[in-house]
Amino acid sequence: MDEREKLRKFRELDDAFAQALRELEKPSSRLDIPTGPPVRSLAELEAEEQQQRQQAFETRLQSLMKEYAQPRESVADLLRTLHTLGHIA
């Protein structure tokens, strides 16, 4: 999710919260506060995105391993070497 989308969602949430506060301040109000789906935290969204990126990477890696007939051990050694040399985080 890009920064604009995060900002837009934050503004929507902020507007809804402000409206709810205004409703609570009205003495004759029936508390007609709209409810919607639960709001997920930014940390949850980022964790979900990270998991999706990891799954996409693993899928692509397995596809390449199959295409080039490379065993797991060989690929694991290559990844360890690249990590040791600082080419991957």
Protein backbone atom coordinates (compact mmCIF):
# COMPACT_ATOMS: atom_id res chain seq x y z
CA MET A 1 0.00 0.00 0.00
CA ASP A 2 1.51 3.31 -1.00
CA GLU A 3 1.69 6.41 1.19
CA ARG A 4 -1.21 8.17 -0.58
CA GLU A 5 -3.52 5.24 0.08
CA LYS A 6 -2.45 5.12 3.74
CA LEU A 7 -3.06 8.85 4.05
CA ARG A 8 -6.48 8.55 2.40
CA LYS A 9 -7.50 5.75 4.76
CA PHE A 10 -6.24 7.72 7.75
CA ARG A 11 -8.27 10.76 6.69
CA GLU A 12 -11.39 8.62 6.28
CA LEU A 13 -10.90 7.18 9.74
CA ASP A 14 -10.22 10.62 11.19
CA ASP A 15 -13.38 12.03 9.57
CA ALA A 16 -15.48 9.14 10.86
CA PHE A 17 -14.05 9.57 14.36
CA ALA A 18 -14.74 13.32 14.30
CA GLN A 19 -18.31 12.68 13.18
CA ALA A 20 -18.81 10.15 15.97
CA LEU A 21 -17.53 12.65 18.53
CA ARG A 22 -19.93 15.30 17.21
CA GLU A 23 -22.80 12.81 17.52
CA LEU A 24 -21.86 12.05 21.12
CA GLU A 25 -21.85 15.75 21.99
CA LYS A 26 -25.44 16.27 20.80
CA PRO A 27 -27.76 15.89 23.80
CA SER A 28 -30.76 14.89 21.67
CA SER A 29 -28.83 12.50 19.47
CA ARG A 30 -29.67 8.79 19.32
CA LEU A 31 -26.01 7.90 18.83
CA ASP A 32 -26.44 7.09 15.15
CA ILE A 33 -22.80 6.17 14.72
CA PRO A 34 -22.14 4.08 11.62
CA THR A 35 -20.29 0.85 12.12
CA GLY A 36 -18.23 -0.88 9.51
CA PRO A 37 -15.67 -3.58 9.22
CA PRO A 38 -13.03 -3.61 11.94
CA VAL A 39 -10.05 -1.40 11.22
CA ARG A 40 -6.84 -3.34 10.93
CA SER A 41 -3.69 -1.84 12.31
CA LEU A 42 -0.92 -0.64 10.05
CA ALA A 43 1.39 -3.24 11.58
CA GLU A 44 -1.04 -6.02 10.60
CA LEU A 45 -1.28 -4.70 7.05
CA GLU A 46 2.49 -4.45 6.72
CA ALA A 47 2.96 -7.95 8.12
CA GLU A 48 0.41 -9.28 5.63
CA GLU A 49 2.19 -7.52 2.74
CA GLN A 50 5.55 -8.91 3.90
CA GLN A 51 4.09 -12.41 4.02
CA GLN A 52 2.67 -12.02 0.50
CA ARG A 53 6.05 -10.80 -0.82
CA GLN A 54 7.78 -13.74 0.87
CA GLN A 55 5.32 -16.23 -0.61
CA ALA A 56 5.75 -14.68 -4.07
CA PHE A 57 9.54 -14.93 -3.71
CA GLU A 58 9.38 -18.55 -2.60
CA THR A 59 7.05 -19.44 -5.47
CA ARG A 60 9.33 -17.75 -8.00
CA LEU A 61 12.42 -19.36 -6.49
CA GLN A 62 10.86 -22.83 -6.63
CA SER A 63 9.86 -22.21 -10.23
CA LEU A 64 13.41 -21.22 -11.16
CA MET A 65 14.85 -24.20 -9.28
CA LYS A 66 12.57 -26.51 -11.26
CA GLU A 67 13.27 -24.75 -14.58
CA TYR A 68 17.05 -24.98 -14.13
CA ALA A 69 16.99 -28.37 -12.36
CA GLN A 70 18.77 -27.08 -9.25
CA PRO A 71 18.47 -29.01 -5.98
CA ARG A 72 17.53 -27.30 -2.72
CA GLU A 73 21.00 -27.78 -1.26
CA SER A 74 22.69 -26.03 -4.17
CA VAL A 75 20.30 -23.08 -4.00
CA ALA A 76 20.63 -22.89 -0.21
CA ASP A 77 24.43 -22.74 -0.55
CA LEU A 78 24.14 -19.99 -3.16
CA LEU A 79 21.78 -17.95 -0.95
CA ARG A 80 24.06 -18.35 2.09
CA THR A 81 27.05 -17.22 0.01
CA LEU A 82 25.19 -14.17 -1.33
CA HIS A 83 24.05 -13.31 2.19
CA THR A 84 27.56 -13.68 3.58
CA LEU A 85 28.94 -11.41 0.85
CA GLY A 86 26.28 -8.82 1.65
CA HIS A 87 24.44 -9.07 -1.64
CA ILE A 88 21.12 -9.91 0.04
CA ALA A 89 19.76 -8.86 3.38
